[in-house]
PDB file of N, CA and C in Angstrom:
ATOM      1  N   MET A   1      27.219  90.378 -10.427  1.00  0.00           N
ATOM      2  CA  MET A   1      27.629  91.059  -9.536  1.00  0.00           C
ATOM      3  C   MET A   1      29.077  90.000 -10.092  1.00  0.00           C
ATOM      4  N   LYS A   2      28.304  88.934  -9.947  1.00  0.00           N
ATOM      5  CA  LYS A   2      30.174  87.914 -10.186  1.00  0.00           C
ATOM      6  C   LYS A   2      30.687  87.677 -11.698  1.00  0.00           C
ATOM      7  N   ILE A   3      29.688  89.061 -12.651  1.00  0.00           N
ATOM      8  CA  ILE A   3      29.937  88.723 -14.099  1.00  0.00           C
ATOM      9  C   ILE A   3      30.742  90.667 -14.055  1.00  0.00           C
ATOM     10  N   LYS A   4      30.108  91.189 -13.579  1.00  0.00           N
ATOM     11  CA  LYS A   4      30.799  92.568 -13.123  1.00  0.00           C
ATOM     12  C   LYS A   4      32.510  92.473 -12.464  1.00  0.00           C
ATOM     13  N   VAL A   5      32.661  91.753 -11.749  1.00  0.00           N
ATOM     14  CA  VAL A   5      33.777  91.093 -11.147  1.00  0.00           C
ATOM     15  C   VAL A   5      35.127  90.629 -12.058  1.00  0.00           C
ATOM     16  N   GLY A   6      34.149  89.783 -12.599  1.00  0.00           N
ATOM     17  CA  GLY A   6      35.212  88.980 -13.474  1.00  0.00           C
ATOM     18  C   GLY A   6      35.650  90.096 -15.173  1.00  0.00           C
ATOM     19  N   LEU A   7      34.954  91.027 -15.154  1.00  0.00           N
ATOM     20  CA  LEU A   7      35.282  91.546 -16.151  1.00  0.00           C
ATOM     21  C   LEU A   7      36.139  92.661 -15.248  1.00  0.00           C
ATOM     22  N   CYS A   8      35.892  92.657 -14.288  1.00  0.00           N
ATOM     23  CA  CYS A   8      37.070  94.165 -13.963  1.00  0.00           C
ATOM     24  C   CYS A   8      38.005  93.343 -14.640  1.00  0.00           C
ATOM     25  N   ALA A   9      38.856  92.873 -13.716  1.00  0.00           N
ATOM     26  CA  ALA A   9      39.551  90.998 -13.605  1.00  0.00           C
ATOM     27  C   ALA A   9      40.101  90.847 -14.756  1.00  0.00           C
ATOM     28  N   LEU A  10      39.591  90.716 -15.442  1.00  0.00           N
ATOM     29  CA  LEU A  10      39.759  90.221 -16.706  1.00  0.00           C
ATOM     30  C   LEU A  10      40.489  91.692 -17.515  1.00  0.00           C
ATOM     31  N   LEU A  11      40.066  92.999 -17.667  1.00  0.00           N
ATOM     32  CA  LEU A  11      40.290  93.889 -18.625  1.00  0.00           C
ATOM     33  C   LEU A  11      42.035  94.314 -17.601  1.00  0.00           C
ATOM     34  N   ALA A  12      41.916  94.504 -16.051  1.00  0.00           N
ATOM     35  CA  ALA A  12      42.911  94.828 -15.357  1.00  0.00           C
ATOM     36  C   ALA A  12      44.478  93.785 -16.030  1.00  0.00           C
ATOM     37  N   MET A  13      43.591  92.549 -16.113  1.00  0.00           N
ATOM     38  CA  MET A  13      44.837  91.708 -16.401  1.00  0.00           C
ATOM     39  C   MET A  13      44.993  91.948 -18.246  1.00  0.00           C
ATOM     40  N   PHE A  14      44.763  92.901 -18.717  1.00  0.00           N
ATOM     41  CA  PHE A  14      44.343  92.916 -20.501  1.00  0.00           C
ATOM     42  C   PHE A  14      45.489  93.971 -20.562  1.00  0.00           C
ATOM     43  N   SER A  15      45.055  95.325 -19.559  1.00  0.00           N
ATOM     44  CA  SER A  15      45.413  96.360 -19.169  1.00  0.00           C
ATOM     45  C   SER A  15      47.458  96.144 -18.582  1.00  0.00           C
ATOM     46  N   PHE A  16      47.019  95.407 -18.040  1.00  0.00           N
ATOM     47  CA  PHE A  16      49.110  95.459 -17.441  1.00  0.00           C
ATOM     48  C   PHE A  16      49.811  94.601 -18.619  1.00  0.00           C
ATOM     49  N   ASN A  17      49.173  93.353 -18.809  1.00  0.00           N
ATOM     50  CA  ASN A  17      49.863  92.756 -20.129  1.00  0.00           C
ATOM     51  C   ASN A  17      50.190  94.238 -21.078  1.00  0.00           C
ATOM     52  N   SER A  18      49.620  94.792 -21.283  1.00  0.00           N
ATOM     53  CA  SER A  18      49.668  95.995 -22.529  1.00  0.00           C
ATOM     54  C   SER A  18      51.178  96.640 -21.912  1.00  0.00           C
ATOM     55  N   TRP A  19      50.308  97.565 -20.970  1.00  0.00           N
ATOM     56  CA  TRP A  19      51.365  97.688 -20.036  1.00  0.00           C
ATOM     57  C   TRP A  19      52.891  97.401 -19.909  1.00  0.00           C
ATOM     58  N   SER A  20      52.897  95.809 -19.936  1.00  0.00           N
ATOM     59  CA  SER A  20      53.959  95.569 -19.595  1.00  0.00           C
ATOM     60  C   SER A  20      54.743  95.191 -21.069  1.00  0.00           C
ATOM     61  N   SER A  21      54.104  94.704 -21.726  1.00  0.00           N
ATOM     62  CA  SER A  21      54.823  94.487 -23.249  1.00  0.00           C
ATOM     63  C   SER A  21      55.162  95.786 -23.847  1.00  0.00           C
ATOM     64  N   GLU A  22      54.509  96.813 -23.534  1.00  0.00           N
ATOM     65  CA  GLU A  22      55.050  97.593 -24.016  1.00  0.00           C
ATOM     66  C   GLU A  22      56.717  98.624 -22.836  1.00  0.00           C
ATOM     67  N   ARG A  23      56.522  98.381 -21.960  1.00  0.00           N
ATOM     68  CA  ARG A  23      57.829  98.773 -21.583  1.00  0.00           C
ATOM     69  C   ARG A  23      58.705  98.192 -21.861  1.00  0.00           C
ATOM     70  N   SER A  24      58.730  96.487 -22.253  1.00  0.00           N
ATOM     71  CA  SER A  24      59.878  95.365 -22.080  1.00  0.00           C
ATOM     72  C   SER A  24      59.632  96.173 -23.859  1.00  0.00           C
ATOM     73  N   GLU A  25      59.505  96.657 -25.115  1.00  0.00           N
ATOM     74  CA  GLU A  25      59.031  96.884 -26.026  1.00  0.00           C
ATOM     75  C   GLU A  25      60.051  98.115 -25.957  1.00  0.00           C
ATOM     76  N   GLN A  26      60.131  99.414 -25.541  1.00  0.00           N
ATOM     77  CA  GLN A  26      60.435 100.060 -25.480  1.00  0.00           C
ATOM     78  C   GLN A  26      61.854  99.791 -24.619  1.00  0.00           C
ATOM     79  N   ALA A  27      62.531  99.015 -24.125  1.00  0.00           N
ATOM     80  CA  ALA A  27      63.655  98.037 -23.667  1.00  0.00           C
ATOM     81  C   ALA A  27      64.218  97.929 -24.498  1.00  0.00           C
ATOM     82  N   TRP A  28      63.667  96.652 -25.141  1.00  0.00           N
ATOM     83  CA  TRP A  28      64.821  96.139 -26.322  1.00  0.00           C
ATOM     84  C   TRP A  28      65.301  97.506 -27.658  1.00  0.00           C
ATOM     85  N   GLU A  29      64.443  98.625 -27.629  1.00  0.00           N
ATOM     86  CA  GLU A  29      64.468 100.001 -28.673  1.00  0.00           C
ATOM     87  C   GLU A  29      65.967 100.637 -27.794  1.00  0.00           C
ATOM     88  N   GLN A  30      66.017 100.439 -26.856  1.00  0.00           N
ATOM     89  CA  GLN A  30      66.791 101.005 -25.886  1.00  0.00           C
ATOM     90  C   GLN A  30      68.513 100.199 -26.017  1.00  0.00           C
ATOM     91  N   VAL A  31      68.464  99.348 -26.236  1.00  0.00           N
ATOM     92  CA  VAL A  31      69.065  98.231 -26.382  1.00  0.00           C
ATOM     93  C   VAL A  31      69.700  98.420 -27.376  1.00  0.00           C
ATOM     94  N   GLU A  32      68.622  98.330 -28.406  1.00  0.00           N
ATOM     95  CA  GLU A  32      69.590  98.242 -29.677  1.00  0.00           C
ATOM     96  C   GLU A  32      69.535  99.553 -30.110  1.00  0.00           C
ATOM     97  N   GLN A  33      69.722 100.461 -29.531  1.00  0.00           N
ATOM     98  CA  GLN A  33      70.398 101.944 -29.745  1.00  0.00           C
ATOM     99  C   GLN A  33      71.832 101.160 -28.838  1.00  0.00           C
ATOM    100  N   GLY A  34      72.344 100.954 -27.735  1.00  0.00           N
ATOM    101  CA  GLY A  34      73.551 100.387 -27.128  1.00  0.00           C
ATOM    102  C   GLY A  34      73.315  99.982 -25.772  1.00  0.00           C
ATOM    103  N   ALA A  35      72.362 100.112 -25.565  1.00  0.00           N
ATOM    104  CA  ALA A  35      71.998  99.970 -24.318  1.00  0.00           C
ATOM    105  C   ALA A  35      72.411  99.219 -23.132  1.00  0.00           C
ATOM    106  N   LEU A  36      72.593  99.074 -21.933  1.00  0.00           N
ATOM    107  CA  LEU A  36      73.877  98.376 -21.191  1.00  0.00           C
ATOM    108  C   LEU A  36      72.766  97.218 -21.047  1.00  0.00           C
ATOM    109  N   LEU A  37      72.426  95.723 -20.953  1.00  0.00           N
ATOM    110  CA  LEU A  37      71.505  95.391 -20.523  1.00  0.00           C
ATOM    111  C   LEU A  37      71.709  94.141 -18.942  1.00  0.00           C
ATOM    112  N   ILE A  38      70.841  95.109 -18.298  1.00  0.00           N
ATOM    113  CA  ILE A  38      71.491  94.400 -16.785  1.00  0.00           C
ATOM    114  C   ILE A  38      70.651  93.000 -16.606  1.00  0.00           C
ATOM    115  N   ASP A  39      70.501  91.995 -15.737  1.00  0.00           N
ATOM    116  CA  ASP A  39      69.908  90.656 -15.055  1.00  0.00           C
ATOM    117  C   ASP A  39      70.355  91.374 -13.968  1.00  0.00           C
ATOM    118  N   VAL A  40      68.914  91.742 -12.694  1.00  0.00           N
ATOM    119  CA  VAL A  40      69.317  92.019 -11.448  1.00  0.00           C
ATOM    120  C   VAL A  40      68.957  91.195 -10.572  1.00  0.00           C
ATOM    121  N   ARG A  41      68.586  89.508 -11.226  1.00  0.00           N
ATOM    122  CA  ARG A  41      68.006  88.175 -10.491  1.00  0.00           C
ATOM    123  C   ARG A  41      69.776  87.521  -9.982  1.00  0.00           C
ATOM    124  N   THR A  42      69.385  87.039  -8.803  1.00  0.00           N
ATOM    125  CA  THR A  42      70.530  86.537  -8.065  1.00  0.00           C
ATOM    126  C   THR A  42      71.761  85.020  -9.074  1.00  0.00           C
ATOM    127  N   PRO A  43      72.713  85.200  -9.250  1.00  0.00           N
ATOM    128  CA  PRO A  43      73.513  84.305 -10.221  1.00  0.00           C
ATOM    129  C   PRO A  43      73.115  82.731 -10.292  1.00  0.00           C
ATOM    130  N   GLY A  44      72.313  81.963  -9.530  1.00  0.00           N
ATOM    131  CA  GLY A  44      71.476  80.773  -9.945  1.00  0.00           C
ATOM    132  C   GLY A  44      70.539  81.154 -10.682  1.00  0.00           C
ATOM    133  N   GLU A  45      69.765  82.063 -10.508  1.00  0.00           N
ATOM    134  CA  GLU A  45      68.505  82.529 -11.209  1.00  0.00           C
ATOM    135  C   GLU A  45      69.338  82.552 -12.917  1.00  0.00           C
ATOM    136  N   PHE A  46      70.292  83.924 -12.754  1.00  0.00           N
ATOM    137  CA  PHE A  46      70.958  84.130 -14.526  1.00  0.00           C
ATOM    138  C   PHE A  46      71.453  82.574 -14.958  1.00  0.00           C
ATOM    139  N   ASP A  47      72.185  82.028 -14.192  1.00  0.00           N
ATOM    140  CA  ASP A  47      72.292  80.368 -14.728  1.00  0.00           C
ATOM    141  C   ASP A  47      71.675  79.929 -15.278  1.00  0.00           C
ATOM    142  N   GLN A  48      70.274  79.669 -14.748  1.00  0.00           N
ATOM    143  CA  GLN A  48      69.361  79.246 -15.542  1.00  0.00           C
ATOM    144  C   GLN A  48      68.740  79.474 -16.518  1.00  0.00           C
ATOM    145  N   GLY A  49      69.164  80.813 -17.000  1.00  0.00           N
ATOM    146  CA  GLY A  49      68.761  81.407 -18.344  1.00  0.00           C
ATOM    147  C   GLY A  49      68.456  82.099 -17.857  1.00  0.00           C
ATOM    148  N   HIS A  50      69.088  83.122 -19.472  1.00  0.00           N
ATOM    149  CA  HIS A  50      68.657  85.450 -19.304  1.00  0.00           C
ATOM    150  C   HIS A  50      69.183  85.300 -20.568  1.00  0.00           C
ATOM    151  N   LEU A  51      68.901  86.446 -21.223  1.00  0.00           N
ATOM    152  CA  LEU A  51      68.928  87.202 -22.115  1.00  0.00           C
ATOM    153  C   LEU A  51      70.257  87.603 -23.174  1.00  0.00           C
ATOM    154  N   ASP A  52      70.643  87.108 -23.758  1.00  0.00           N
ATOM    155  CA  ASP A  52      72.021  86.953 -24.931  1.00  0.00           C
ATOM    156  C   ASP A  52      71.645  88.493 -24.383  1.00  0.00           C
ATOM    157  N   GLY A  53      73.463  88.151 -24.444  1.00  0.00           N
ATOM    158  CA  GLY A  53      74.376  90.007 -23.881  1.00  0.00           C
ATOM    159  C   GLY A  53      74.275  90.603 -23.149  1.00  0.00           C
ATOM    160  N   ALA A  54      73.310  89.940 -21.538  1.00  0.00           N
ATOM    161  CA  ALA A  54      72.788  90.368 -20.490  1.00  0.00           C
ATOM    162  C   ALA A  54      74.265  90.263 -19.382  1.00  0.00           C
ATOM    163  N   THR A  55      74.148  91.073 -18.612  1.00  0.00           N
ATOM    164  CA  THR A  55      75.622  90.609 -17.596  1.00  0.00           C
ATOM    165  C   THR A  55      74.451  91.035 -16.032  1.00  0.00           C
ATOM    166  N   ASN A  56      74.937  90.096 -15.247  1.00  0.00           N
ATOM    167  CA  ASN A  56      74.355  89.752 -14.194  1.00  0.00           C
ATOM    168  C   ASN A  56      74.839  90.930 -13.169  1.00  0.00           C
ATOM    169  N   TYR A  57      74.586  91.556 -12.765  1.00  0.00           N
ATOM    170  CA  TYR A  57      74.813  92.551 -11.361  1.00  0.00           C
ATOM    171  C   TYR A  57      73.627  92.327 -10.664  1.00  0.00           C
ATOM    172  N   PRO A  58      73.369  91.363  -9.817  1.00  0.00           N
ATOM    173  CA  PRO A  58      72.073  91.347  -8.525  1.00  0.00           C
ATOM    174  C   PRO A  58      71.978  92.666  -7.809  1.00  0.00           C
ATOM    175  N   LEU A  59      70.340  92.661  -7.901  1.00  0.00           N
ATOM    176  CA  LEU A  59      70.074  93.165  -7.003  1.00  0.00           C
ATOM    177  C   LEU A  59      71.174  93.999  -6.038  1.00  0.00           C
ATOM    178  N   ASN A  60      71.184  93.281  -5.135  1.00  0.00           N
ATOM    179  CA  ASN A  60      72.143  93.669  -3.691  1.00  0.00           C
ATOM    180  C   ASN A  60      73.627  93.861  -4.021  1.00  0.00           C
ATOM    181  N   THR A  61      73.823  93.685  -5.367  1.00  0.00           N
ATOM    182  CA  THR A  61      75.228  94.420  -5.367  1.00  0.00           C
ATOM    183  C   THR A  61      75.344  95.523  -6.034  1.00  0.00           C
ATOM    184  N   VAL A  62      74.112  96.181  -6.581  1.00  0.00           N
ATOM    185  CA  VAL A  62      74.169  97.362  -7.641  1.00  0.00           C
ATOM    186  C   VAL A  62      74.347  98.784  -6.924  1.00  0.00           C
ATOM    187  N   ASP A  63      74.554  98.971  -5.524  1.00  0.00           N
ATOM    188  CA  ASP A  63      75.582 100.093  -5.574  1.00  0.00           C
ATOM    189  C   ASP A  63      76.933 100.177  -5.218  1.00  0.00           C
ATOM    190  N   LYS A  64      77.608  98.695  -5.667  1.00  0.00           N
ATOM    191  CA  LYS A  64      79.139  98.373  -6.177  1.00  0.00           C
ATOM    192  C   LYS A  64      79.350  98.553  -7.241  1.00  0.00           C
ATOM    193  N   THR A  65      78.577  97.590  -7.934  1.00  0.00           N
ATOM    194  CA  THR A  65      78.946  97.338  -9.221  1.00  0.00           C
ATOM    195  C   THR A  65      78.257  98.607 -10.462  1.00  0.00           C
ATOM    196  N   PHE A  66      77.678  99.172  -9.890  1.00  0.00           N
ATOM    197  CA  PHE A  66      77.510 100.626 -11.219  1.00  0.00           C
ATOM    198  C   PHE A  66      78.317 101.760 -10.550  1.00  0.00           C
ATOM    199  N   ALA A  67      78.933 101.088  -9.548  1.00  0.00           N
ATOM    200  CA  ALA A  67      80.122 102.359  -9.267  1.00  0.00           C
ATOM    201  C   ALA A  67      80.995 102.653 -10.435  1.00  0.00           C
ATOM    202  N   LYS A  68      81.507 102.132 -10.926  1.00  0.00           N
ATOM    203  CA  LYS A  68      82.479 101.982 -12.485  1.00  0.00           C
ATOM    204  C   LYS A  68      81.409 102.445 -12.881  1.00  0.00           C
ATOM    205  N   ILE A  69      80.239 102.909 -13.595  1.00  0.00           N
ATOM    206  CA  ILE A  69      79.919 102.632 -14.596  1.00  0.00           C
ATOM    207  C   ILE A  69      79.367 103.746 -14.903  1.00  0.00           C
ATOM    208  N   ASP A  70      79.417 104.761 -16.040  1.00  0.00           N
ATOM    209  CA  ASP A  70      79.588 105.897 -16.052  1.00  0.00           C
ATOM    210  C   ASP A  70      78.032 106.351 -16.167  1.00  0.00           C
ATOM    211  N   LYS A  71      77.534 107.725 -15.428  1.00  0.00           N
ATOM    212  CA  LYS A  71      76.064 107.830 -15.468  1.00  0.00           C
ATOM    213  C   LYS A  71      75.503 108.400 -16.096  1.00  0.00           C
ATOM    214  N   ASP A  72      75.925 108.518 -17.532  1.00  0.00           N
ATOM    215  CA  ASP A  72      75.324 108.949 -18.836  1.00  0.00           C
ATOM    216  C   ASP A  72      74.649 107.660 -19.643  1.00  0.00           C
ATOM    217  N   THR A  73      75.560 106.654 -19.293  1.00  0.00           N
ATOM    218  CA  THR A  73      75.449 105.331 -19.877  1.00  0.00           C
ATOM    219  C   THR A  73      73.731 105.111 -20.409  1.00  0.00           C
ATOM    220  N   PRO A  74      72.863 104.497 -20.236  1.00  0.00           N
ATOM    221  CA  PRO A  74      71.994 104.125 -21.310  1.00  0.00           C
ATOM    222  C   PRO A  74      72.251 102.824 -20.576  1.00  0.00           C
ATOM    223  N   ILE A  75      70.494 102.197 -19.519  1.00  0.00           N
ATOM    224  CA  ILE A  75      71.008 101.073 -19.331  1.00  0.00           C
ATOM    225  C   ILE A  75      69.597 100.627 -19.589  1.00  0.00           C
ATOM    226  N   VAL A  76      69.403  99.026 -19.611  1.00  0.00           N
ATOM    227  CA  VAL A  76      68.090  98.574 -19.560  1.00  0.00           C
ATOM    228  C   VAL A  76      67.988  97.796 -18.024  1.00  0.00           C
ATOM    229  N   VAL A  77      67.540  97.664 -17.350  1.00  0.00           N
ATOM    230  CA  VAL A  77      67.707  96.058 -16.330  1.00  0.00           C
ATOM    231  C   VAL A  77      66.034  95.431 -16.502  1.00  0.00           C
ATOM    232  N   TYR A  78      66.564  94.039 -15.763  1.00  0.00           N
ATOM    233  CA  TYR A  78      65.103  93.047 -15.972  1.00  0.00           C
ATOM    234  C   TYR A  78      65.968  92.121 -14.360  1.00  0.00           C
ATOM    235  N   CYS A  79      64.468  91.395 -13.968  1.00  0.00           N
ATOM    236  CA  CYS A  79      64.610  90.526 -13.453  1.00  0.00           C
ATOM    237  C   CYS A  79      63.704  89.214 -13.443  1.00  0.00           C
ATOM    238  N   ARG A  80      62.790  88.751 -12.759  1.00  0.00           N
ATOM    239  CA  ARG A  80      62.012  87.826 -13.017  1.00  0.00           C
ATOM    240  C   ARG A  80      60.884  88.627 -13.184  1.00  0.00           C
ATOM    241  N   SER A  81      60.236  89.186 -12.364  1.00  0.00           N
ATOM    242  CA  SER A  81      59.357  89.855 -12.738  1.00  0.00           C
ATOM    243  C   SER A  81      58.906  91.431 -13.040  1.00  0.00           C
ATOM    244  N   GLY A  82      59.661  92.098 -12.457  1.00  0.00           N
ATOM    245  CA  GLY A  82      60.016  93.023 -13.189  1.00  0.00           C
ATOM    246  C   GLY A  82      60.158  93.884 -11.506  1.00  0.00           C
ATOM    247  N   ALA A  83      60.116  93.322 -10.533  1.00  0.00           N
ATOM    248  CA  ALA A  83      59.844  94.526  -9.355  1.00  0.00           C
ATOM    249  C   ALA A  83      61.236  94.546  -8.484  1.00  0.00           C
ATOM    250  N   ARG A  84      61.992  93.828  -9.039  1.00  0.00           N
ATOM    251  CA  ARG A  84      63.298  94.161  -8.837  1.00  0.00           C
ATOM    252  C   ARG A  84      64.279  94.759  -9.314  1.00  0.00           C
ATOM    253  N   SER A  85      63.888  94.907 -10.829  1.00  0.00           N
ATOM    254  CA  SER A  85      63.973  95.835 -11.664  1.00  0.00           C
ATOM    255  C   SER A  85      63.983  97.115 -11.583  1.00  0.00           C
ATOM    256  N   GLY A  86      62.656  97.347 -10.908  1.00  0.00           N
ATOM    257  CA  GLY A  86      62.119  98.129 -10.745  1.00  0.00           C
ATOM    258  C   GLY A  86      63.016  99.078  -9.801  1.00  0.00           C
ATOM    259  N   LYS A  87      62.767  98.355  -8.210  1.00  0.00           N
ATOM    260  CA  LYS A  87      64.041  98.675  -7.262  1.00  0.00           C
ATOM    261  C   LYS A  87      65.542  99.203  -7.611  1.00  0.00           C
ATOM    262  N   ALA A  88      66.056  98.612  -8.407  1.00  0.00           N
ATOM    263  CA  ALA A  88      67.670  98.655  -9.011  1.00  0.00           C
ATOM    264  C   ALA A  88      67.114 100.198  -9.958  1.00  0.00           C
ATOM    265  N   MET A  89      66.101 100.376 -10.643  1.00  0.00           N
ATOM    266  CA  MET A  89      65.763 101.378 -11.364  1.00  0.00           C
ATOM    267  C   MET A  89      65.450 102.837 -11.127  1.00  0.00           C
ATOM    268  N   SER A  90      65.233 102.457  -9.666  1.00  0.00           N
ATOM    269  CA  SER A  90      64.740 103.745  -9.180  1.00  0.00           C
ATOM    270  C   SER A  90      65.800 103.726  -8.157  1.00  0.00           C
ATOM    271  N   TYR A  91      66.163 103.339  -7.798  1.00  0.00           N
ATOM    272  CA  TYR A  91      67.644 103.399  -6.942  1.00  0.00           C
ATOM    273  C   TYR A  91      69.437 103.923  -7.956  1.00  0.00           C
ATOM    274  N   LEU A  92      69.287 103.469  -9.108  1.00  0.00           N
ATOM    275  CA  LEU A  92      70.429 104.473 -10.132  1.00  0.00           C
ATOM    276  C   LEU A  92      69.846 105.622 -10.635  1.00  0.00           C
ATOM    277  N   LYS A  93      68.511 105.779 -11.019  1.00  0.00           N
ATOM    278  CA  LYS A  93      68.032 107.115 -11.035  1.00  0.00           C
ATOM    279  C   LYS A  93      68.121 108.299  -9.917  1.00  0.00           C
ATOM    280  N   GLN A  94      68.526 107.854  -8.588  1.00  0.00           N
ATOM    281  CA  GLN A  94      68.373 108.414  -7.145  1.00  0.00           C
ATOM    282  C   GLN A  94      70.068 108.580  -6.800  1.00  0.00           C
ATOM    283  N   VAL A  95      70.682 107.985  -7.594  1.00  0.00           N
ATOM    284  CA  VAL A  95      72.228 108.304  -7.539  1.00  0.00           C
ATOM    285  C   VAL A  95      72.754 109.100  -8.404  1.00  0.00           C
ATOM    286  N   GLY A  96      71.863 109.340  -9.434  1.00  0.00           N
ATOM    287  CA  GLY A  96      72.108 110.041 -10.856  1.00  0.00           C
ATOM    288  C   GLY A  96      72.785 109.509 -12.039  1.00  0.00           C
ATOM    289  N   PHE A  97      71.778 108.365 -12.119  1.00  0.00           N
ATOM    290  CA  PHE A  97      72.109 107.995 -13.541  1.00  0.00           C
ATOM    291  C   PHE A  97      71.094 108.871 -14.233  1.00  0.00           C
ATOM    292  N   LYS A  98      71.432 108.599 -15.836  1.00  0.00           N
ATOM    293  CA  LYS A  98      70.365 109.176 -16.104  1.00  0.00           C
ATOM    294  C   LYS A  98      68.795 109.099 -17.051  1.00  0.00           C
ATOM    295  N   GLU A  99      69.587 107.490 -17.792  1.00  0.00           N
ATOM    296  CA  GLU A  99      68.738 107.111 -18.354  1.00  0.00           C
ATOM    297  C   GLU A  99      68.757 105.346 -17.946  1.00  0.00           C
ATOM    298  N   VAL A 100      67.482 105.227 -17.333  1.00  0.00           N
ATOM    299  CA  VAL A 100      67.811 103.366 -16.879  1.00  0.00           C
ATOM    300  C   VAL A 100      66.382 103.293 -17.001  1.00  0.00           C
ATOM    301  N   TYR A 101      66.131 102.384 -17.544  1.00  0.00           N
ATOM    302  CA  TYR A 101      64.717 101.826 -18.296  1.00  0.00           C
ATOM    303  C   TYR A 101      64.680 100.260 -17.542  1.00  0.00           C
ATOM    304  N   ASN A 102      63.054 100.006 -17.321  1.00  0.00           N
ATOM    305  CA  ASN A 102      62.807  98.677 -15.747  1.00  0.00           C
ATOM    306  C   ASN A 102      62.374  98.155 -17.062  1.00  0.00           C
ATOM    307  N   GLY A 103      62.732  96.635 -17.585  1.00  0.00           N
ATOM    308  CA  GLY A 103      61.938  96.258 -19.048  1.00  0.00           C
ATOM    309  C   GLY A 103      61.295  95.029 -18.512  1.00  0.00           C
ATOM    310  N   GLY A 104      61.421  94.509 -16.796  1.00  0.00           N
ATOM    311  CA  GLY A 104      60.746  94.328 -16.241  1.00  0.00           C
ATOM    312  C   GLY A 104      60.637  92.638 -15.913  1.00  0.00           C
ATOM    313  N   GLY A 105      59.767  91.865 -16.422  1.00  0.00           N
ATOM    314  CA  GLY A 105      60.536  90.112 -16.444  1.00  0.00           C
ATOM    315  C   GLY A 105      60.963  89.989 -17.134  1.00  0.00           C
ATOM    316  N   LEU A 106      61.749  88.622 -16.723  1.00  0.00           N
ATOM    317  CA  LEU A 106      62.698  87.957 -17.984  1.00  0.00           C
ATOM    318  C   LEU A 106      61.859  87.082 -19.404  1.00  0.00           C
ATOM    319  N   VAL A 107      60.874  86.879 -18.884  1.00  0.00           N
ATOM    320  CA  VAL A 107      60.051  85.914 -19.958  1.00  0.00           C
ATOM    321  C   VAL A 107      58.848  86.853 -20.816  1.00  0.00           C
ATOM    322  N   GLU A 108      59.069  88.293 -20.057  1.00  0.00           N
ATOM    323  CA  GLU A 108      58.224  89.361 -20.155  1.00  0.00           C
ATOM    324  C   GLU A 108      58.853  90.148 -21.721  1.00  0.00           C
ATOM    325  N   MET A 109      60.793  90.120 -21.540  1.00  0.00           N
ATOM    326  CA  MET A 109      61.380  90.592 -22.356  1.00  0.00           C
ATOM    327  C   MET A 109      61.771  89.545 -23.960  1.00  0.00           C
ATOM    328  N   GLN A 110      61.618  88.389 -23.191  1.00  0.00           N
ATOM    329  CA  GLN A 110      61.471  87.442 -24.201  1.00  0.00           C
ATOM    330  C   GLN A 110      60.692  87.367 -25.041  1.00  0.00           C
ATOM    331  N   SER A 111      59.068  88.297 -24.989  1.00  0.00           N
ATOM    332  CA  SER A 111      57.921  87.622 -25.516  1.00  0.00           C
ATOM    333  C   SER A 111      58.256  88.857 -26.221  1.00  0.00           C
ATOM    334  N   THR A 112      58.800  89.978 -26.419  1.00  0.00           N
ATOM    335  CA  THR A 112      59.005  90.388 -27.637  1.00  0.00           C
ATOM    336  C   THR A 112      60.398  90.758 -28.042  1.00  0.00           C
ATOM    337  N   LYS A 113      60.892  90.457 -27.645  1.00  0.00           N
ATOM    338  CA  LYS A 113      62.196  90.327 -28.641  1.00  0.00           C
ATOM    339  C   LYS A 113      62.114  90.939 -30.148  1.00  0.00           C
ATOM    340  N   PRO A 114      62.689  91.663 -30.616  1.00  0.00           N
ATOM    341  CA  PRO A 114      62.530  91.933 -31.538  1.00  0.00           C
ATOM    342  C   PRO A 114      62.934  90.636 -32.696  1.00  0.00           C
ATOM    343  N   THR A 115      63.142  90.008 -33.803  1.00  0.00           N
ATOM    344  CA  THR A 115      63.227  89.466 -34.296  1.00  0.00           C
ATOM    345  C   THR A 115      64.409  90.153 -35.252  1.00  0.00           C
ATOM    346  N   PRO A 116      65.419  89.622 -35.653  1.00  0.00           N
ATOM    347  CA  PRO A 116      66.656  90.251 -36.811  1.00  0.00           C
ATOM    348  C   PRO A 116      65.934  90.073 -38.582  1.00  0.00           C
TER     349      PRO A 116
END
């Protein structure tokens, strides 16, 4: 029984990692095509490290900060784990943004960043 549980946990971990890297790879494709790269973490988290070219719009300001952005603009959002960026993506799509992508977490995005 313990072996089955362990195998299931291992399989789930690999499936999650595969899905995670897939979403961040797709996000990088969008960034390379000109999408805005937005970090929705707090300013303190952003100051501790962020992706080159990213703009910091904390999740609690998304309703105000995106009001000035054209809803046809492609946008990639990321955070620490992918949860806040998922919320930001859902909100932005709900208010009419057409191309919003959740890149996931910072480390996830860093690990799949294409090399020039």
